[in-house]
Amino acid sequence: METTQIVEDVVIVGAGIAGLATALGLH
């Protein structure tokens, strides 16, 4: 298993969740 790939996926998902939270907070 490539830990770097897992970390990248976590970062992408985390950024997406943060983006959604920010978008919801602005409304």
Protein backbone atom coordinates (compact mmCIF):
# COMPACT_ATOMS: atom_id res chain seq x y z
CA MET A 1 0.00 0.00 0.00
CA GLU A 2 1.24 3.48 -0.83
CA THR A 3 0.80 5.73 2.17
CA THR A 4 1.43 8.82 0.03
CA GLN A 5 -1.61 8.03 -2.12
CA ILE A 6 -3.76 7.62 0.98
CA VAL A 7 -2.53 10.93 2.39
CA GLU A 8 -3.30 12.70 -0.88
CA ASP A 9 -6.83 11.27 -0.88
CA VAL A 10 -7.38 12.39 2.71
CA VAL A 11 -6.14 15.90 1.89
CA ILE A 12 -8.43 16.15 -1.16
CA VAL A 13 -11.47 14.89 0.77
CA GLY A 14 -10.63 17.17 3.69
CA ALA A 15 -10.35 20.18 1.37
CA GLY A 16 -13.71 19.29 -0.18
CA ILE A 17 -15.39 19.09 3.22
CA ALA A 18 -13.79 22.38 4.27
CA GLY A 19 -15.04 23.97 1.04
CA LEU A 20 -18.58 22.75 1.66
CA ALA A 21 -18.51 23.98 5.25
CA THR A 22 -17.27 27.40 4.08
CA ALA A 23 -19.92 27.60 1.33
CA LEU A 24 -22.68 26.69 3.79
CA GLY A 25 -21.34 29.20 6.29
CA LEU A 26 -21.50 32.03 3.73
CA HIS A 27 -25.19 31.45 3.01
